[in-house]
Amino acid sequence: MSRTNYSAYMAIKNKIMEIFRSETFEKNKLPSEAALANRLGISLVTLRESLMMLALEGYITKRHGSGNYVHPSTLDYENRTYCYTEYLHKKGFHAGIQLFAQEWALADGLEAKMLGIQEGEKLLVNRLVYLADEYPAIYTIHRIPASLLVREDVAQMPFAQIHVLVGDFMGRELAHALNEYYAMSVEGEQAKRLNLLEGSPIMGNRQVFYDITDQRVMYSTNCFHPDYYQLRTLQNWDLGR
């Protein structure tokens, strides 16, 4: 966005999203851009920049000569990626976290590859379960290179918001995570922690977290109980045109 900075855009976006959620429009066609800009108290240029960003995110479709169309289906929170506690809250559960093991270990080959470190480097390994109304929903293992830790009181780590953990215990600003989902069968400790029969088919994923300098700061694996976590994604058809 050339003229509107990110924080300003987010404030405008929140106002527009509130309109999308609280009102309906005939054939989902939005009012004219001039009317929307006047209602929001912003310039037409700023509104158009914001609408372009909303189109890239898949919330609306812009058609020259026809207008702008909102997609109520995209307002479904499940189309967006959230931290797991927020996801469970939005699904109507009381979310909690149970840390059941914290230990030091040496990185194996896969862990070293995912973190971009040498095999045998020291890791802090946290094993926990995300709870949905006190039922186990997600079994997670976080692996953090010991060399990145700036605090020794690791037993005090928070896990509800990973960006807080990364900021407080690594002194870094979290930027994003890359996720790889796959089908798997649950075995051993995973089955025990999720209260599932061994061999049950479930979905798993690998996550690599990056800071704002694009350095890898944490590698996590997650196993999802099918009753509490389902993956839905938004495919924005306009981006392929």
C-alpha atoms as a PDB file:
ATOM      1  CA  MET A   1       0.000   0.000   0.000  1.00  0.00           C
ATOM      2  CA  SER A   2       1.715   3.139  -1.185  1.00  0.00           C
ATOM      3  CA  ARG A   3      -0.061   5.819   0.785  1.00  0.00           C
ATOM      4  CA  THR A   4      -1.741   3.981   3.633  1.00  0.00           C
ATOM      5  CA  ASN A   5       0.516   2.356   6.237  1.00  0.00           C
ATOM      6  CA  TYR A   6      -0.257  -1.054   7.671  1.00  0.00           C
ATOM      7  CA  SER A   7      -1.669   0.090  11.023  1.00  0.00           C
ATOM      8  CA  ALA A   8      -3.982   2.549   9.262  1.00  0.00           C
ATOM      9  CA  TYR A   9      -5.087  -0.171   6.866  1.00  0.00           C
ATOM     10  CA  MET A  10      -5.871  -2.546   9.733  1.00  0.00           C
ATOM     11  CA  ALA A  11      -8.044   0.107  11.414  1.00  0.00           C
ATOM     12  CA  ILE A  12      -9.914   0.696   8.154  1.00  0.00           C
ATOM     13  CA  LYS A  13     -10.146  -3.033   7.486  1.00  0.00           C
ATOM     14  CA  ASN A  14     -11.727  -3.635  10.915  1.00  0.00           C
ATOM     15  CA  LYS A  15     -14.362  -1.004  10.203  1.00  0.00           C
ATOM     16  CA  ILE A  16     -15.127  -2.463   6.787  1.00  0.00           C
ATOM     17  CA  MET A  17     -15.260  -5.999   8.166  1.00  0.00           C
ATOM     18  CA  GLU A  18     -17.738  -4.881  10.813  1.00  0.00           C
ATOM     19  CA  ILE A  19     -19.967  -3.562   8.040  1.00  0.00           C
ATOM     20  CA  PHE A  20     -19.628  -6.870   6.188  1.00  0.00           C
ATOM     21  CA  ARG A  21     -20.608  -8.847   9.291  1.00  0.00           C
ATOM     22  CA  SER A  22     -23.503  -6.655  10.427  1.00  0.00           C
ATOM     23  CA  GLU A  23     -25.217  -5.829   7.141  1.00  0.00           C
ATOM     24  CA  THR A  24     -26.490  -7.601   4.049  1.00  0.00           C
ATOM     25  CA  PHE A  25     -26.422  -6.313   0.496  1.00  0.00           C
ATOM     26  CA  GLU A  26     -28.562  -7.229  -2.463  1.00  0.00           C
ATOM     27  CA  LYS A  27     -26.695  -9.883  -4.462  1.00  0.00           C
ATOM     28  CA  ASN A  28     -23.795  -9.100  -2.081  1.00  0.00           C
ATOM     29  CA  LYS A  29     -22.892  -6.013  -4.124  1.00  0.00           C
ATOM     30  CA  LEU A  30     -21.372  -3.257  -2.002  1.00  0.00           C
ATOM     31  CA  PRO A  31     -22.446   0.397  -2.109  1.00  0.00           C
ATOM     32  CA  SER A  32     -20.473   2.681  -4.372  1.00  0.00           C
ATOM     33  CA  GLU A  33     -16.889   3.419  -3.380  1.00  0.00           C
ATOM     34  CA  ALA A  34     -17.771   7.088  -2.933  1.00  0.00           C
ATOM     35  CA  ALA A  35     -20.570   6.177  -0.508  1.00  0.00           C
ATOM     36  CA  LEU A  36     -18.323   3.821   1.448  1.00  0.00           C
ATOM     37  CA  ALA A  37     -15.495   6.372   1.661  1.00  0.00           C
ATOM     38  CA  ASN A  38     -17.918   9.028   2.896  1.00  0.00           C
ATOM     39  CA  ARG A  39     -19.394   6.653   5.479  1.00  0.00           C
ATOM     40  CA  LEU A  40     -15.950   5.701   6.796  1.00  0.00           C
ATOM     41  CA  GLY A  41     -14.653   9.277   6.736  1.00  0.00           C
ATOM     42  CA  ILE A  42     -11.660   8.447   4.537  1.00  0.00           C
ATOM     43  CA  SER A  43     -10.472   9.529   1.118  1.00  0.00           C
ATOM     44  CA  LEU A  44     -11.499   7.642  -1.984  1.00  0.00           C
ATOM     45  CA  VAL A  45      -7.823   6.805  -2.653  1.00  0.00           C
ATOM     46  CA  THR A  46      -7.430   5.274   0.814  1.00  0.00           C
ATOM     47  CA  LEU A  47     -10.639   3.280   0.452  1.00  0.00           C
ATOM     48  CA  ARG A  48      -9.556   1.917  -2.909  1.00  0.00           C
ATOM     49  CA  GLU A  49      -6.209   0.803  -1.493  1.00  0.00           C
ATOM     50  CA  SER A  50      -8.025  -0.954   1.366  1.00  0.00           C
ATOM     51  CA  LEU A  51     -10.489  -2.638  -0.977  1.00  0.00           C
ATOM     52  CA  MET A  52      -7.620  -3.859  -3.148  1.00  0.00           C
ATOM     53  CA  MET A  53      -6.016  -5.491  -0.112  1.00  0.00           C
ATOM     54  CA  LEU A  54      -9.347  -7.066   0.872  1.00  0.00           C
ATOM     55  CA  ALA A  55      -9.629  -8.451  -2.659  1.00  0.00           C
ATOM     56  CA  LEU A  56      -6.152  -9.994  -2.398  1.00  0.00           C
ATOM     57  CA  GLU A  57      -7.163 -11.576   0.918  1.00  0.00           C
ATOM     58  CA  GLY A  58     -10.264 -13.045  -0.713  1.00  0.00           C
ATOM     59  CA  TYR A  59     -12.952 -11.122   1.175  1.00  0.00           C
ATOM     60  CA  ILE A  60     -14.275  -9.284  -1.871  1.00  0.00           C
ATOM     61  CA  THR A  61     -14.156  -9.422  -5.659  1.00  0.00           C
ATOM     62  CA  LYS A  62     -13.610  -6.247  -7.645  1.00  0.00           C
ATOM     63  CA  ARG A  63     -15.053  -6.033 -11.155  1.00  0.00           C
ATOM     64  CA  HIS A  64     -14.422  -3.002 -13.354  1.00  0.00           C
ATOM     65  CA  GLY A  65     -17.697  -1.548 -14.564  1.00  0.00           C
ATOM     66  CA  SER A  66     -19.720  -3.746 -12.228  1.00  0.00           C
ATOM     67  CA  GLY A  67     -18.583  -2.900  -8.711  1.00  0.00           C
ATOM     68  CA  ASN A  68     -17.357  -4.673  -5.601  1.00  0.00           C
ATOM     69  CA  TYR A  69     -18.889  -7.860  -4.215  1.00  0.00           C
ATOM     70  CA  VAL A  70     -18.493  -9.111  -0.656  1.00  0.00           C
ATOM     71  CA  HIS A  71     -18.258 -12.863   0.045  1.00  0.00           C
ATOM     72  CA  PRO A  72     -19.963 -13.665   3.374  1.00  0.00           C
ATOM     73  CA  SER A  73     -18.614 -17.216   3.136  1.00  0.00           C
ATOM     74  CA  THR A  74     -15.057 -15.916   3.582  1.00  0.00           C
ATOM     75  CA  LEU A  75     -15.964 -14.287   6.903  1.00  0.00           C
ATOM     76  CA  ASP A  76     -15.996 -17.781   8.423  1.00  0.00           C
ATOM     77  CA  TYR A  77     -13.045 -17.770  10.820  1.00  0.00           C
ATOM     78  CA  GLU A  78     -12.136 -21.345   9.870  1.00  0.00           C
ATOM     79  CA  ASN A  79     -10.849 -20.078   6.535  1.00  0.00           C
ATOM     80  CA  ARG A  80      -8.034 -18.267   8.352  1.00  0.00           C
ATOM     81  CA  THR A  81      -5.054 -19.562  10.298  1.00  0.00           C
ATOM     82  CA  TYR A  82      -5.144 -18.891  14.051  1.00  0.00           C
ATOM     83  CA  CYS A  83      -3.149 -19.935  17.048  1.00  0.00           C
ATOM     84  CA  TYR A  84      -4.650 -23.119  18.413  1.00  0.00           C
ATOM     85  CA  THR A  85      -6.109 -21.646  21.609  1.00  0.00           C
ATOM     86  CA  GLU A  86      -7.901 -18.972  19.580  1.00  0.00           C
ATOM     87  CA  TYR A  87      -9.128 -21.578  17.126  1.00  0.00           C
ATOM     88  CA  LEU A  88     -10.614 -23.668  19.940  1.00  0.00           C
ATOM     89  CA  HIS A  89     -12.209 -20.602  21.536  1.00  0.00           C
ATOM     90  CA  LYS A  90     -13.848 -19.692  18.236  1.00  0.00           C
ATOM     91  CA  LYS A  91     -15.142 -23.245  17.898  1.00  0.00           C
ATOM     92  CA  GLY A  92     -16.986 -22.744  21.193  1.00  0.00           C
ATOM     93  CA  PHE A  93     -14.635 -24.641  23.507  1.00  0.00           C
ATOM     94  CA  HIS A  94     -12.914 -23.514  26.661  1.00  0.00           C
ATOM     95  CA  ALA A  95      -9.277 -23.794  25.596  1.00  0.00           C
ATOM     96  CA  GLY A  96      -6.459 -24.796  27.885  1.00  0.00           C
ATOM     97  CA  ILE A  97      -2.880 -26.041  27.722  1.00  0.00           C
ATOM     98  CA  GLN A  98      -1.263 -28.869  29.665  1.00  0.00           C
ATOM     99  CA  LEU A  99       2.535 -29.039  29.593  1.00  0.00           C
ATOM    100  CA  PHE A 100       3.539 -32.555  30.555  1.00  0.00           C
ATOM    101  CA  ALA A 101       7.245 -32.682  29.674  1.00  0.00           C
ATOM    102  CA  GLN A 102      10.113 -30.257  29.226  1.00  0.00           C
ATOM    103  CA  GLU A 103      13.581 -31.588  28.525  1.00  0.00           C
ATOM    104  CA  TRP A 104      16.916 -30.932  26.863  1.00  0.00           C
ATOM    105  CA  ALA A 105      17.824 -33.078  23.856  1.00  0.00           C
ATOM    106  CA  LEU A 106      20.212 -33.199  20.924  1.00  0.00           C
ATOM    107  CA  ALA A 107      18.834 -32.439  17.472  1.00  0.00           C
ATOM    108  CA  ASP A 108      18.407 -35.446  15.217  1.00  0.00           C
ATOM    109  CA  GLY A 109      18.794 -35.232  11.450  1.00  0.00           C
ATOM    110  CA  LEU A 110      15.229 -34.118  10.673  1.00  0.00           C
ATOM    111  CA  GLU A 111      15.129 -31.585  13.509  1.00  0.00           C
ATOM    112  CA  ALA A 112      18.461 -30.122  12.397  1.00  0.00           C
ATOM    113  CA  LYS A 113      17.223 -29.839   8.809  1.00  0.00           C
ATOM    114  CA  MET A 114      13.957 -28.156   9.805  1.00  0.00           C
ATOM    115  CA  LEU A 115      15.730 -25.646  12.065  1.00  0.00           C
ATOM    116  CA  GLY A 116      18.721 -25.036   9.817  1.00  0.00           C
ATOM    117  CA  ILE A 117      21.205 -26.093  12.506  1.00  0.00           C
ATOM    118  CA  GLN A 118      23.831 -28.800  12.920  1.00  0.00           C
ATOM    119  CA  GLU A 119      22.800 -32.297  13.944  1.00  0.00           C
ATOM    120  CA  GLY A 120      23.581 -32.810  17.629  1.00  0.00           C
ATOM    121  CA  GLU A 121      22.980 -29.190  18.646  1.00  0.00           C
ATOM    122  CA  LYS A 122      21.186 -28.755  21.962  1.00  0.00           C
ATOM    123  CA  LEU A 123      17.415 -28.257  21.897  1.00  0.00           C
ATOM    124  CA  LEU A 124      14.776 -27.393  24.471  1.00  0.00           C
ATOM    125  CA  VAL A 125      11.869 -29.764  23.836  1.00  0.00           C
ATOM    126  CA  ASN A 126       8.394 -28.961  25.175  1.00  0.00           C
ATOM    127  CA  ARG A 127       5.616 -31.548  24.997  1.00  0.00           C
ATOM    128  CA  LEU A 128       2.078 -30.335  25.598  1.00  0.00           C
ATOM    129  CA  VAL A 129      -1.568 -30.903  24.856  1.00  0.00           C
ATOM    130  CA  TYR A 130      -4.083 -28.239  23.879  1.00  0.00           C
ATOM    131  CA  LEU A 131      -7.387 -28.912  25.607  1.00  0.00           C
ATOM    132  CA  ALA A 132     -10.952 -28.340  24.404  1.00  0.00           C
ATOM    133  CA  ASP A 133     -13.289 -28.284  27.410  1.00  0.00           C
ATOM    134  CA  GLU A 134     -10.635 -30.352  29.225  1.00  0.00           C
ATOM    135  CA  TYR A 135     -10.539 -32.957  26.432  1.00  0.00           C
ATOM    136  CA  PRO A 136      -7.238 -33.449  24.580  1.00  0.00           C
ATOM    137  CA  ALA A 137      -7.498 -31.832  21.150  1.00  0.00           C
ATOM    138  CA  ILE A 138      -3.952 -31.266  19.862  1.00  0.00           C
ATOM    139  CA  TYR A 139      -0.739 -33.027  20.846  1.00  0.00           C
ATOM    140  CA  THR A 140       2.247 -30.743  20.226  1.00  0.00           C
ATOM    141  CA  ILE A 141       6.025 -30.934  20.477  1.00  0.00           C
ATOM    142  CA  HIS A 142       7.967 -27.645  20.279  1.00  0.00           C
ATOM    143  CA  ARG A 143      11.723 -27.706  19.630  1.00  0.00           C
ATOM    144  CA  ILE A 144      13.790 -24.577  20.300  1.00  0.00           C
ATOM    145  CA  PRO A 145      17.549 -24.268  19.669  1.00  0.00           C
ATOM    146  CA  ALA A 146      19.195 -23.679  23.043  1.00  0.00           C
ATOM    147  CA  SER A 147      21.519 -21.137  21.415  1.00  0.00           C
ATOM    148  CA  LEU A 148      18.560 -18.812  20.782  1.00  0.00           C
ATOM    149  CA  LEU A 149      17.341 -18.675  24.390  1.00  0.00           C
ATOM    150  CA  VAL A 150      18.058 -15.469  26.299  1.00  0.00           C
ATOM    151  CA  ARG A 151      16.460 -16.592  29.575  1.00  0.00           C
ATOM    152  CA  GLU A 152      17.103 -19.553  31.859  1.00  0.00           C
ATOM    153  CA  ASP A 153      13.678 -19.787  33.562  1.00  0.00           C
ATOM    154  CA  VAL A 154      12.270 -21.890  30.730  1.00  0.00           C
ATOM    155  CA  ALA A 155       9.734 -23.518  33.054  1.00  0.00           C
ATOM    156  CA  GLN A 156       7.844 -20.206  32.924  1.00  0.00           C
ATOM    157  CA  MET A 157       7.288 -20.320  29.160  1.00  0.00           C
ATOM    158  CA  PRO A 158       3.805 -19.379  27.924  1.00  0.00           C
ATOM    159  CA  PHE A 159       2.358 -21.399  25.049  1.00  0.00           C
ATOM    160  CA  ALA A 160      -1.030 -19.804  24.333  1.00  0.00           C
ATOM    161  CA  GLN A 161       0.554 -17.190  22.066  1.00  0.00           C
ATOM    162  CA  ILE A 162       3.769 -18.293  20.401  1.00  0.00           C
ATOM    163  CA  HIS A 163       4.795 -14.749  19.462  1.00  0.00           C
ATOM    164  CA  VAL A 164       4.912 -13.902  23.171  1.00  0.00           C
ATOM    165  CA  LEU A 165       7.103 -16.935  23.895  1.00  0.00           C
ATOM    166  CA  VAL A 166       9.473 -16.037  21.058  1.00  0.00           C
ATOM    167  CA  GLY A 167       9.632 -12.417  22.169  1.00  0.00           C
ATOM    168  CA  ASP A 168      10.144 -13.081  25.868  1.00  0.00           C
ATOM    169  CA  PHE A 169      12.490 -16.073  25.735  1.00  0.00           C
ATOM    170  CA  MET A 170      14.391 -15.452  22.508  1.00  0.00           C
ATOM    171  CA  GLY A 171      14.252 -11.673  22.263  1.00  0.00           C
ATOM    172  CA  ARG A 172      12.986 -11.919  18.712  1.00  0.00           C
ATOM    173  CA  GLU A 173       9.931 -10.744  16.819  1.00  0.00           C
ATOM    174  CA  LEU A 174       7.932 -13.550  15.258  1.00  0.00           C
ATOM    175  CA  ALA A 175       6.957 -13.005  11.638  1.00  0.00           C
ATOM    176  CA  HIS A 176       5.281 -16.158  10.322  1.00  0.00           C
ATOM    177  CA  ALA A 177       5.155 -19.937  10.323  1.00  0.00           C
ATOM    178  CA  LEU A 178       5.197 -22.374   7.423  1.00  0.00           C
ATOM    179  CA  ASN A 179       2.857 -25.341   7.843  1.00  0.00           C
ATOM    180  CA  GLU A 180       2.943 -28.735   6.146  1.00  0.00           C
ATOM    181  CA  TYR A 181      -0.114 -30.935   6.721  1.00  0.00           C
ATOM    182  CA  TYR A 182      -0.177 -34.682   6.157  1.00  0.00           C
ATOM    183  CA  ALA A 183      -2.221 -37.791   6.903  1.00  0.00           C
ATOM    184  CA  MET A 184      -0.897 -40.107   9.594  1.00  0.00           C
ATOM    185  CA  SER A 185      -1.870 -42.855  11.998  1.00  0.00           C
ATOM    186  CA  VAL A 186      -1.611 -42.164  15.689  1.00  0.00           C
ATOM    187  CA  GLU A 187       0.706 -44.373  17.733  1.00  0.00           C
ATOM    188  CA  GLY A 188       2.244 -44.669  21.192  1.00  0.00           C
ATOM    189  CA  GLU A 189       2.476 -41.427  23.173  1.00  0.00           C
ATOM    190  CA  GLN A 190       0.361 -39.589  20.613  1.00  0.00           C
ATOM    191  CA  ALA A 191      -2.511 -42.073  20.940  1.00  0.00           C
ATOM    192  CA  LYS A 192      -2.263 -42.020  24.730  1.00  0.00           C
ATOM    193  CA  ARG A 193      -2.316 -38.227  25.002  1.00  0.00           C
ATOM    194  CA  LEU A 194      -5.213 -37.836  22.548  1.00  0.00           C
ATOM    195  CA  ASN A 195      -7.249 -40.728  23.969  1.00  0.00           C
ATOM    196  CA  LEU A 196      -7.415 -42.415  20.573  1.00  0.00           C
ATOM    197  CA  LEU A 197      -6.973 -46.028  19.568  1.00  0.00           C
ATOM    198  CA  GLU A 198      -3.538 -46.821  18.187  1.00  0.00           C
ATOM    199  CA  GLY A 199      -3.586 -46.820  14.422  1.00  0.00           C
ATOM    200  CA  SER A 200      -6.443 -44.310  14.200  1.00  0.00           C
ATOM    201  CA  PRO A 201      -6.098 -42.111  11.087  1.00  0.00           C
ATOM    202  CA  ILE A 202      -5.602 -38.439  11.938  1.00  0.00           C
ATOM    203  CA  MET A 203      -4.121 -35.277  10.492  1.00  0.00           C
ATOM    204  CA  GLY A 204      -0.696 -34.032  11.527  1.00  0.00           C
ATOM    205  CA  ASN A 205       1.498 -31.117  10.596  1.00  0.00           C
ATOM    206  CA  ARG A 206       4.987 -29.712  10.815  1.00  0.00           C
ATOM    207  CA  GLN A 207       5.510 -26.041  11.592  1.00  0.00           C
ATOM    208  CA  VAL A 208       8.633 -23.947  11.228  1.00  0.00           C
ATOM    209  CA  PHE A 209       8.463 -20.511  12.870  1.00  0.00           C
ATOM    210  CA  TYR A 210      10.502 -17.600  11.500  1.00  0.00           C
ATOM    211  CA  ASP A 211      11.440 -14.228  13.001  1.00  0.00           C
ATOM    212  CA  ILE A 212      11.398 -10.927  11.076  1.00  0.00           C
ATOM    213  CA  THR A 213      14.957 -11.540   9.830  1.00  0.00           C
ATOM    214  CA  ASP A 214      13.697 -14.852   8.363  1.00  0.00           C
ATOM    215  CA  GLN A 215      15.706 -16.933  10.824  1.00  0.00           C
ATOM    216  CA  ARG A 216      14.129 -20.183  11.953  1.00  0.00           C
ATOM    217  CA  VAL A 217      13.414 -20.013  15.687  1.00  0.00           C
ATOM    218  CA  MET A 218      11.235 -23.052  16.442  1.00  0.00           C
ATOM    219  CA  TYR A 219      10.165 -26.336  14.902  1.00  0.00           C
ATOM    220  CA  SER A 220       6.898 -27.940  16.013  1.00  0.00           C
ATOM    221  CA  THR A 221       4.924 -31.049  15.202  1.00  0.00           C
ATOM    222  CA  ASN A 222       1.212 -31.340  15.903  1.00  0.00           C
ATOM    223  CA  CYS A 223      -1.291 -34.212  15.935  1.00  0.00           C
ATOM    224  CA  PHE A 224      -4.960 -33.247  15.742  1.00  0.00           C
ATOM    225  CA  HIS A 225      -7.892 -35.053  17.315  1.00  0.00           C
ATOM    226  CA  PRO A 226     -10.470 -35.212  14.482  1.00  0.00           C
ATOM    227  CA  ASP A 227     -13.334 -34.244  16.795  1.00  0.00           C
ATOM    228  CA  TYR A 228     -11.780 -30.890  17.691  1.00  0.00           C
ATOM    229  CA  TYR A 229      -9.667 -29.649  14.785  1.00  0.00           C
ATOM    230  CA  GLN A 230     -10.444 -29.586  11.069  1.00  0.00           C
ATOM    231  CA  LEU A 231      -8.470 -27.796   8.375  1.00  0.00           C
ATOM    232  CA  ARG A 232     -10.276 -25.479   5.985  1.00  0.00           C
ATOM    233  CA  THR A 233      -8.541 -23.146   3.568  1.00  0.00           C
ATOM    234  CA  LEU A 234      -9.601 -20.310   1.297  1.00  0.00           C
ATOM    235  CA  GLN A 235      -8.694 -20.562  -2.399  1.00  0.00           C
ATOM    236  CA  ASN A 236      -8.951 -17.103  -3.965  1.00  0.00           C
ATOM    237  CA  TRP A 237      -9.790 -17.750  -7.601  1.00  0.00           C
ATOM    238  CA  ASP A 238      -9.030 -14.179  -8.657  1.00  0.00           C
ATOM    239  CA  LEU A 239      -5.323 -14.567  -7.814  1.00  0.00           C
ATOM    240  CA  GLY A 240      -4.964 -17.083 -10.636  1.00  0.00           C
ATOM    241  CA  ARG A 241      -6.441 -14.838 -13.312  1.00  0.00           C
END
